[in-house]
Amino acid sequence: MSVTELKEQMHRQIDLLNDENDIEDLSATIDFFFNSREIHFDSNHPDFVAQLENSLENANKQPGISTGELREKRRF
């Protein structure tokens, strides 16, 4: 089954839900799924790209530390 077919099937199943509690449970499950992923499913999504650019900018602003310096710090 293709991704498009799976999405269509999921949409049909969601449309069958009428109970508010079921819909809230499904919403919580979907939220948990997306929040549990380390990498956003769409690495080209503007929000994800912006987050990466922001992280890179922050990393470039802070002075780095060499492996040797880190080893020295851990000794004490």
Protein backbone atom coordinates (compact mmCIF):
# COMPACT_ATOMS: atom_id res chain seq x y z
CA MET A 1 0.00 0.00 0.00
CA SER A 2 1.39 3.42 -0.93
CA VAL A 3 1.82 6.27 1.51
CA THR A 4 -1.04 8.12 -0.19
CA GLU A 5 -3.31 5.09 0.15
CA LEU A 6 -2.38 4.71 3.82
CA LYS A 7 -3.16 8.37 4.48
CA GLU A 8 -6.50 8.06 2.72
CA GLN A 9 -7.34 4.98 4.78
CA MET A 10 -6.40 6.79 7.98
CA HIS A 11 -8.55 9.77 7.04
CA ARG A 12 -11.52 7.46 6.38
CA GLN A 13 -11.03 5.80 9.75
CA ILE A 14 -10.79 9.16 11.53
CA ASP A 15 -13.99 10.29 9.82
CA LEU A 16 -15.77 7.30 11.40
CA LEU A 17 -14.99 8.54 14.92
CA ASN A 18 -17.84 10.33 16.64
CA ASP A 19 -17.05 9.97 20.32
CA GLU A 20 -15.25 13.02 21.72
CA ASN A 21 -13.12 10.87 24.05
CA ASP A 22 -11.94 8.72 21.14
CA ILE A 23 -10.96 11.80 19.16
CA GLU A 24 -9.13 13.28 22.15
CA ASP A 25 -7.29 9.97 22.71
CA LEU A 26 -6.28 9.83 19.06
CA SER A 27 -5.10 13.44 19.17
CA ALA A 28 -3.00 12.73 22.26
CA THR A 29 -1.52 9.65 20.59
CA ILE A 30 -0.61 11.62 17.47
CA ASP A 31 0.91 14.41 19.58
CA PHE A 32 2.96 11.85 21.51
CA PHE A 33 4.12 10.28 18.24
CA PHE A 34 5.38 13.59 16.82
CA ASN A 35 6.89 14.78 20.09
CA SER A 36 8.77 11.48 20.51
CA ARG A 37 10.55 11.70 17.19
CA GLU A 38 14.11 13.00 17.39
CA ILE A 39 14.09 14.14 13.79
CA HIS A 40 11.01 15.70 12.27
CA PHE A 41 9.55 13.48 9.59
CA ASP A 42 10.00 16.23 6.98
CA SER A 43 13.55 17.53 7.14
CA ASN A 44 12.63 20.22 4.59
CA HIS A 45 9.78 21.61 6.69
CA PRO A 46 10.39 25.35 7.25
CA ASP A 47 10.03 25.06 11.04
CA PHE A 48 12.58 22.24 11.19
CA VAL A 49 15.03 24.09 8.91
CA ALA A 50 14.65 27.23 11.04
CA GLN A 51 15.34 25.21 14.20
CA LEU A 52 18.52 23.78 12.65
CA GLU A 53 19.67 27.21 11.47
CA ASN A 54 19.04 28.66 14.93
CA SER A 55 20.99 25.83 16.57
CA LEU A 56 23.90 26.34 14.16
CA GLU A 57 23.89 30.09 14.78
CA ASN A 58 23.94 29.54 18.55
CA ALA A 59 26.75 26.99 18.25
CA ASN A 60 28.82 29.39 16.16
CA LYS A 61 28.40 32.17 18.75
CA GLN A 62 29.80 30.08 21.60
CA PRO A 63 33.46 29.24 21.92
CA GLY A 64 34.21 25.59 21.38
CA ILE A 65 36.25 23.24 23.50
CA SER A 66 38.77 20.74 22.24
CA THR A 67 38.75 17.09 23.21
CA GLY A 68 42.00 17.62 25.15
CA GLU A 69 40.49 20.51 27.13
CA LEU A 70 37.46 18.38 27.93
CA ARG A 71 39.67 15.55 29.17
CA GLU A 72 41.57 17.98 31.40
CA LYS A 73 38.33 19.30 32.89
CA ARG A 74 37.13 15.78 33.65
CA ARG A 75 40.31 14.97 35.58
CA PHE A 76 39.48 17.46 38.31
